[in-house]
Amino acid sequence: MPRLDAPTHPGHLSPGMSTRIEIRHPEKAHRPDNPIQRKPDWIRVRAPNHPTYVETRDLMRGAGLVTVCEEAACPNIGECWSRRHATMMIMGDTCTRACSFCNVRTGLPGELDATEPARVAQAVATLGLNHVVITSVDRDDLPDGGAAHFAAVIIALRAAAPRTTIEILTPDFLRKPGALEVVTAARPDVFNHNLETVPRLYPAIRPGARYYQSLRLLDRVKQLDPTIFTKSGMMVGLGEDRAELGQVMDDLRIAEVDFLTLGQYLQPTVKHAAVARFVPPAEFAEYATTARAKGFLMVASTPLTRSSYHADADFAALRQARIARQAA
């Protein structure tokens, strides 16, 4: 179980990151404990031990890069890193939001590191990735929410790895006018922003965000550049019901979102939101059928699905699905 007081690993510090050894989630420290339930067999994964996993980890450490794979305690890290697929998390390791589902450190972030775009681009070129996912912490402390930094990373990637397709997973840029336009103008191949849960649960699960702001963000991307694929994801097992999930799917299709991911919520520590239930694989398959019927080009719906899980293969399939739909 991840510790609430775990310090930042010194091997992946960069100049813009916190060096303080402090409680990882100070805003959760005084909450009552939610015991962590035993996971069902379908949610268990093997401990990472592949040689390529170690190589990928060492590359991230050596470049001073942060990955959401580690910071968010992703269960798929062993599989993905063994295939040289790591999701970079830019703008530091400390988030200004305090979502009750997320394991990323909360606090006041450090200054942006101007060398980070080049270091990310070089790591992607070294790994030889066909497709890369770039995400970030929320940076409500910055006037543009970090939009210009996202754009700089995309530009650096185009220069260092021109054949690599780029997927970004951004914050909501709440109250940051003009930020979305800056990122969209850099023309990522996929613009991902996760709704995470149903509107009813936002006050408890995603208190710093607004459901309709996230929807507007995705809708606005399509207005600005219809050629960019849009993508969004949700966790299930937080207490939502089928009707609410169906309504979110409808809202996303109204915003012309192309790709939907659904995965099981897993509780990082006893201070995080409790798992209401573990959704069986058969139910995930039913959700996928429903989502496809509503018109999504691509749907990934399994207990272990995460935003960047199998993102390279999924992007290739997404592109083919668009071509097939246009031909039809």
Protein backbone atom coordinates (compact mmCIF):
# COMPACT_ATOMS: atom_id res chain seq x y z
CA MET A 1 0.00 0.00 0.00
CA PRO A 2 1.45 3.42 -0.93
CA ARG A 3 2.44 5.50 2.10
CA LEU A 4 0.83 8.86 2.78
CA ASP A 5 4.18 10.20 3.94
CA ALA A 6 6.33 8.74 1.16
CA PRO A 7 9.01 11.30 0.13
CA THR A 8 9.77 12.16 -3.47
CA HIS A 9 12.19 9.65 -4.98
CA PRO A 10 15.49 11.52 -5.39
CA GLY A 11 16.21 9.70 -8.64
CA HIS A 12 13.49 11.50 -10.57
CA LEU A 13 13.78 15.05 -9.30
CA SER A 14 14.08 17.84 -11.85
CA PRO A 15 14.71 21.54 -11.17
CA GLY A 16 10.99 22.35 -11.23
CA MET A 17 10.04 19.67 -8.72
CA SER A 18 9.60 19.74 -4.98
CA THR A 19 12.53 18.55 -2.87
CA ARG A 20 10.63 18.77 0.40
CA ILE A 21 10.14 15.60 2.40
CA GLU A 22 6.60 15.98 3.66
CA ILE A 23 3.22 14.32 3.85
CA ARG A 24 2.17 13.36 0.32
CA HIS A 25 -1.50 14.24 0.87
CA PRO A 26 -1.70 16.74 3.74
CA GLU A 27 -5.32 17.57 2.96
CA LYS A 28 -6.29 13.93 3.56
CA ALA A 29 -4.22 13.29 6.69
CA HIS A 30 -7.07 13.92 9.15
CA ARG A 31 -9.76 12.05 7.24
CA PRO A 32 -11.12 8.83 8.74
CA ASP A 33 -9.60 5.68 7.27
CA ASN A 34 -11.35 3.77 4.50
CA PRO A 35 -10.05 0.20 4.75
CA ILE A 36 -8.68 -1.11 1.45
CA GLN A 37 -10.66 -4.09 0.20
CA ARG A 38 -9.07 -7.26 -1.08
CA LYS A 39 -8.96 -7.16 -4.88
CA PRO A 40 -10.75 -9.85 -6.89
CA ASP A 41 -8.70 -12.22 -9.04
CA TRP A 42 -9.45 -10.32 -12.26
CA ILE A 43 -7.78 -7.17 -10.95
CA ARG A 44 -4.47 -8.70 -9.83
CA VAL A 45 -1.26 -8.04 -11.76
CA ARG A 46 2.24 -9.46 -11.56
CA ALA A 47 5.09 -7.56 -9.93
CA PRO A 48 7.36 -5.95 -12.56
CA ASN A 49 10.57 -7.90 -13.15
CA HIS A 50 11.23 -7.73 -16.92
CA PRO A 51 14.71 -6.43 -17.90
CA THR A 52 13.18 -3.82 -20.20
CA TYR A 53 11.14 -2.52 -17.26
CA VAL A 54 14.41 -1.75 -15.47
CA GLU A 55 15.85 -0.10 -18.59
CA THR A 56 12.79 2.13 -18.95
CA ARG A 57 12.86 3.05 -15.27
CA ASP A 58 16.56 3.91 -15.44
CA LEU A 59 16.02 6.07 -18.53
CA MET A 60 13.28 8.05 -16.76
CA ARG A 61 15.49 8.46 -13.69
CA GLY A 62 18.53 9.47 -15.70
CA ALA A 63 16.58 12.12 -17.62
CA GLY A 64 15.04 13.48 -14.41
CA LEU A 65 11.53 12.84 -15.71
CA VAL A 66 8.32 12.14 -13.82
CA THR A 67 5.84 9.51 -14.97
CA VAL A 68 2.20 9.25 -14.05
CA CYS A 69 2.77 5.49 -14.07
CA GLU A 70 4.66 5.83 -10.78
CA GLU A 71 3.02 8.89 -9.27
CA ALA A 72 -0.52 7.57 -9.71
CA ALA A 73 0.46 4.00 -8.71
CA CYS A 74 -0.83 2.55 -12.00
CA PRO A 75 -1.36 -1.23 -11.85
CA ASN A 76 -0.16 -1.62 -15.46
CA ILE A 77 3.32 -0.21 -14.94
CA GLY A 78 5.02 -3.60 -15.21
CA GLU A 79 3.40 -4.45 -18.54
CA CYS A 80 3.79 -1.01 -20.08
CA TRP A 81 7.37 -0.34 -19.04
CA SER A 82 8.36 -3.81 -20.21
CA ARG A 83 7.24 -2.62 -23.66
CA ARG A 84 9.06 0.75 -23.28
CA HIS A 85 5.81 2.65 -22.91
CA ALA A 86 5.92 5.28 -20.18
CA THR A 87 3.48 8.18 -19.79
CA MET A 88 5.40 11.37 -19.02
CA MET A 89 3.97 13.74 -16.41
CA ILE A 90 5.21 17.27 -17.04
CA MET A 91 5.34 20.39 -14.87
CA GLY A 92 6.51 18.62 -11.72
CA ASP A 93 5.22 15.99 -9.32
CA THR A 94 2.96 18.22 -7.17
CA CYS A 95 -0.65 19.03 -8.03
CA THR A 96 -2.66 22.05 -6.91
CA ARG A 97 -5.87 19.99 -6.76
CA ALA A 98 -6.88 17.48 -4.08
CA CYS A 99 -9.04 14.89 -5.82
CA SER A 100 -10.07 12.11 -3.47
CA PHE A 101 -9.23 9.34 -5.97
CA CYS A 102 -5.74 10.45 -7.01
CA ASN A 103 -2.38 9.39 -5.59
CA VAL A 104 -0.37 12.30 -7.06
CA ARG A 105 1.19 14.56 -4.42
CA THR A 106 -0.83 17.65 -3.41
CA GLY A 107 0.71 21.00 -2.53
CA LEU A 108 2.33 24.11 -3.97
CA PRO A 109 4.38 23.17 -7.07
CA GLY A 110 7.80 24.56 -7.91
CA GLU A 111 8.69 26.72 -10.88
CA LEU A 112 8.47 25.31 -14.40
CA ASP A 113 11.66 23.78 -15.78
CA ALA A 114 12.50 25.30 -19.16
CA THR A 115 14.66 22.27 -20.05
CA GLU A 116 11.83 19.79 -19.59
CA PRO A 117 10.42 19.88 -23.16
CA ALA A 118 13.83 18.97 -24.61
CA ARG A 119 14.40 16.23 -22.03
CA VAL A 120 10.99 14.68 -22.69
CA ALA A 121 11.58 14.79 -26.44
CA GLN A 122 15.00 13.18 -26.12
CA ALA A 123 13.64 10.38 -23.93
CA VAL A 124 10.87 9.66 -26.45
CA ALA A 125 13.41 9.58 -29.29
CA THR A 126 15.67 7.25 -27.29
CA LEU A 127 12.79 4.88 -26.54
CA GLY A 128 11.83 4.92 -30.24
CA LEU A 129 8.14 5.30 -29.48
CA ASN A 130 5.56 5.23 -32.25
CA HIS A 131 3.08 6.97 -29.95
CA VAL A 132 3.56 8.89 -26.71
CA VAL A 133 1.16 10.13 -24.03
CA ILE A 134 2.02 13.34 -22.19
CA THR A 135 0.03 14.33 -19.11
CA SER A 136 0.54 16.80 -16.27
CA VAL A 137 -0.41 17.80 -12.78
CA ASP A 138 -2.97 20.58 -12.41
CA ARG A 139 -1.18 23.93 -12.26
CA ASP A 140 -3.84 26.34 -11.02
CA ASP A 141 -0.96 28.53 -9.78
CA LEU A 142 0.07 29.45 -13.34
CA PRO A 143 -1.74 32.19 -15.31
CA ASP A 144 -2.27 29.83 -18.28
CA GLY A 145 -2.49 26.60 -16.29
CA GLY A 146 0.65 25.38 -18.04
CA ALA A 147 -0.77 25.61 -21.57
CA ALA A 148 2.37 27.17 -23.08
CA HIS A 149 4.49 24.45 -21.49
CA PHE A 150 2.29 21.76 -23.05
CA ALA A 151 2.70 23.47 -26.42
CA ALA A 152 6.48 23.64 -25.95
CA VAL A 153 6.63 19.90 -25.24
CA ILE A 154 4.59 19.12 -28.37
CA ILE A 155 6.86 21.33 -30.51
CA ALA A 156 10.00 19.71 -29.06
CA LEU A 157 8.58 16.24 -29.73
CA ARG A 158 7.81 17.12 -33.36
CA ALA A 159 11.43 18.19 -33.83
CA ALA A 160 13.13 15.28 -32.02
CA ALA A 161 10.76 12.46 -32.98
CA PRO A 162 8.83 13.54 -36.09
CA ARG A 163 7.33 10.08 -36.69
CA THR A 164 5.93 9.77 -33.17
CA THR A 165 2.24 10.55 -32.79
CA ILE A 166 1.40 12.63 -29.75
CA GLU A 167 -1.43 12.21 -27.27
CA ILE A 168 -1.89 14.73 -24.49
CA LEU A 169 -3.95 14.29 -21.32
CA THR A 170 -4.56 17.77 -19.96
CA PRO A 171 -6.11 19.44 -16.93
CA ASP A 172 -9.39 21.30 -17.41
CA PHE A 173 -7.77 24.79 -17.61
CA LEU A 174 -10.55 26.06 -15.35
CA ARG A 175 -10.63 29.88 -15.32
CA LYS A 176 -7.65 30.06 -17.71
CA PRO A 177 -9.02 31.94 -20.75
CA GLY A 178 -7.11 31.30 -23.96
CA ALA A 179 -5.18 28.32 -22.53
CA LEU A 180 -7.01 25.67 -24.54
CA GLU A 181 -6.44 27.58 -27.76
CA VAL A 182 -2.67 27.62 -27.14
CA VAL A 183 -2.52 23.84 -26.68
CA THR A 184 -4.81 23.08 -29.60
CA ALA A 185 -2.76 25.31 -31.91
CA ALA A 186 0.26 23.03 -31.27
CA ARG A 187 -1.81 20.28 -32.94
CA PRO A 188 -1.46 17.10 -30.88
CA ASP A 189 -2.83 14.01 -32.60
CA VAL A 190 -5.07 13.15 -29.64
CA PHE A 191 -6.47 15.55 -27.05
CA ASN A 192 -7.52 13.65 -23.94
CA HIS A 193 -9.25 15.06 -20.90
CA ASN A 194 -10.89 12.74 -18.41
CA LEU A 195 -14.31 13.34 -16.88
CA GLU A 196 -13.36 10.69 -14.28
CA THR A 197 -16.86 10.17 -12.80
CA VAL A 198 -20.52 11.10 -13.06
CA PRO A 199 -21.70 14.64 -12.19
CA ARG A 200 -23.38 13.59 -8.92
CA LEU A 201 -20.07 12.41 -7.48
CA TYR A 202 -17.97 15.47 -8.44
CA PRO A 203 -18.24 17.22 -5.04
CA ALA A 204 -16.80 14.18 -3.27
CA ILE A 205 -14.44 12.76 -5.93
CA ARG A 206 -13.31 15.75 -8.00
CA PRO A 207 -14.13 18.79 -5.84
CA GLY A 208 -11.81 21.24 -7.61
CA ALA A 209 -13.28 20.54 -11.05
CA ARG A 210 -16.58 21.27 -12.78
CA TYR A 211 -18.27 18.63 -14.93
CA TYR A 212 -19.57 21.02 -17.56
CA GLN A 213 -16.23 22.84 -17.81
CA SER A 214 -14.64 19.51 -18.76
CA LEU A 215 -17.36 18.84 -21.32
CA ARG A 216 -16.97 22.33 -22.81
CA LEU A 217 -13.22 21.81 -23.06
CA LEU A 218 -13.64 18.66 -25.16
CA ASP A 219 -16.34 20.26 -27.29
CA ARG A 220 -14.18 23.34 -27.90
CA VAL A 221 -11.24 21.24 -29.15
CA LYS A 222 -13.46 19.87 -31.92
CA GLN A 223 -14.65 23.37 -32.79
CA LEU A 224 -11.08 24.64 -33.04
CA ASP A 225 -9.68 21.69 -35.01
CA PRO A 226 -12.01 18.86 -36.06
CA THR A 227 -9.05 16.77 -37.26
CA ILE A 228 -7.74 16.27 -33.71
CA PHE A 229 -9.04 13.09 -32.08
CA THR A 230 -10.66 13.70 -28.70
CA LYS A 231 -10.71 11.19 -25.88
CA SER A 232 -12.07 10.97 -22.35
CA GLY A 233 -12.09 8.41 -19.57
CA MET A 234 -14.04 7.43 -16.50
CA MET A 235 -13.52 5.28 -13.43
CA VAL A 236 -16.29 2.97 -12.31
CA GLY A 237 -16.86 1.40 -8.91
CA LEU A 238 -17.23 4.73 -7.09
CA GLY A 239 -20.99 4.45 -6.54
CA GLU A 240 -22.31 5.51 -9.95
CA ASP A 241 -25.19 3.64 -11.60
CA ARG A 242 -25.79 2.50 -15.17
CA ALA A 243 -28.20 5.30 -16.00
CA GLU A 244 -25.66 7.92 -14.92
CA LEU A 245 -22.93 6.28 -16.98
CA GLY A 246 -25.22 6.22 -19.99
CA GLN A 247 -25.95 9.93 -19.59
CA VAL A 248 -22.23 10.78 -19.45
CA MET A 249 -21.70 8.76 -22.64
CA ASP A 250 -24.47 10.77 -24.30
CA ASP A 251 -22.92 14.05 -23.12
CA LEU A 252 -19.54 13.03 -24.55
CA ARG A 253 -21.06 12.11 -27.89
CA ILE A 254 -22.83 15.48 -28.07
CA ALA A 255 -19.33 16.95 -27.68
CA GLU A 256 -18.22 14.64 -30.55
CA VAL A 257 -15.65 12.79 -28.41
CA ASP A 258 -14.13 9.97 -30.44
CA PHE A 259 -12.66 7.62 -27.85
CA LEU A 260 -13.97 6.51 -24.44
CA THR A 261 -12.00 4.59 -21.80
CA LEU A 262 -13.59 2.91 -18.77
CA GLY A 263 -11.62 1.28 -15.96
CA GLN A 264 -12.01 0.14 -12.37
CA TYR A 265 -11.23 2.66 -9.62
CA LEU A 266 -8.56 1.35 -7.27
CA GLN A 267 -8.08 2.99 -3.88
CA PRO A 268 -4.45 4.19 -3.42
CA THR A 269 -4.43 4.56 0.40
CA VAL A 270 -6.78 4.36 3.38
CA LYS A 271 -7.23 8.14 3.17
CA HIS A 272 -8.61 8.08 -0.38
CA ALA A 273 -12.19 7.49 -1.52
CA ALA A 274 -13.37 3.97 -0.86
CA VAL A 275 -14.17 1.48 -3.62
CA ALA A 276 -17.95 1.07 -3.65
CA ARG A 277 -17.67 -2.19 -5.61
CA PHE A 278 -15.44 -4.10 -8.00
CA VAL A 279 -17.15 -4.20 -11.38
CA PRO A 280 -16.86 -7.65 -13.04
CA PRO A 281 -15.34 -7.98 -16.54
CA ALA A 282 -18.68 -8.99 -18.06
CA GLU A 283 -20.20 -5.68 -17.00
CA PHE A 284 -17.30 -3.78 -18.57
CA ALA A 285 -18.04 -5.63 -21.81
CA GLU A 286 -21.69 -4.51 -21.58
CA TYR A 287 -20.61 -0.90 -21.11
CA ALA A 288 -18.40 -1.21 -24.19
CA THR A 289 -21.33 -2.47 -26.25
CA THR A 290 -23.49 0.42 -25.08
CA ALA A 291 -20.77 2.99 -25.83
CA ARG A 292 -20.17 1.65 -29.34
CA ALA A 293 -23.90 1.79 -30.03
CA LYS A 294 -23.87 5.46 -29.03
CA GLY A 295 -21.32 6.19 -31.77
CA PHE A 296 -17.82 6.32 -30.25
CA LEU A 297 -15.13 5.47 -32.79
CA MET A 298 -13.17 3.56 -30.13
CA VAL A 299 -13.99 2.12 -26.72
CA ALA A 300 -11.61 0.53 -24.22
CA SER A 301 -13.51 -0.94 -21.29
CA THR A 302 -11.87 -3.44 -18.94
CA PRO A 303 -11.09 -3.44 -15.22
CA LEU A 304 -7.43 -2.51 -15.83
CA THR A 305 -8.04 0.05 -18.59
CA ARG A 306 -6.37 3.40 -17.94
CA SER A 307 -6.10 6.48 -20.18
CA SER A 308 -2.74 5.54 -21.68
CA TYR A 309 -3.04 1.74 -21.49
CA HIS A 310 -2.28 0.28 -24.96
CA ALA A 311 -2.49 3.84 -26.29
CA ASP A 312 -0.20 3.10 -29.24
CA ALA A 313 -2.25 0.21 -30.62
CA ASP A 314 -5.48 2.01 -29.80
CA PHE A 315 -4.39 5.09 -31.74
CA ALA A 316 -3.70 3.01 -34.84
CA ALA A 317 -7.15 1.42 -34.51
CA LEU A 318 -8.73 4.83 -33.90
CA ARG A 319 -7.26 6.19 -37.10
CA GLN A 320 -8.53 3.21 -39.08
CA ALA A 321 -11.99 3.55 -37.52
CA ARG A 322 -12.22 7.15 -38.71
CA ILE A 323 -11.18 6.17 -42.22
CA ALA A 324 -13.78 3.39 -42.26
CA ARG A 325 -16.53 5.68 -41.01
CA GLN A 326 -15.68 8.37 -43.57
CA ALA A 327 -15.71 5.77 -46.34
CA ALA A 328 -19.11 4.54 -45.21
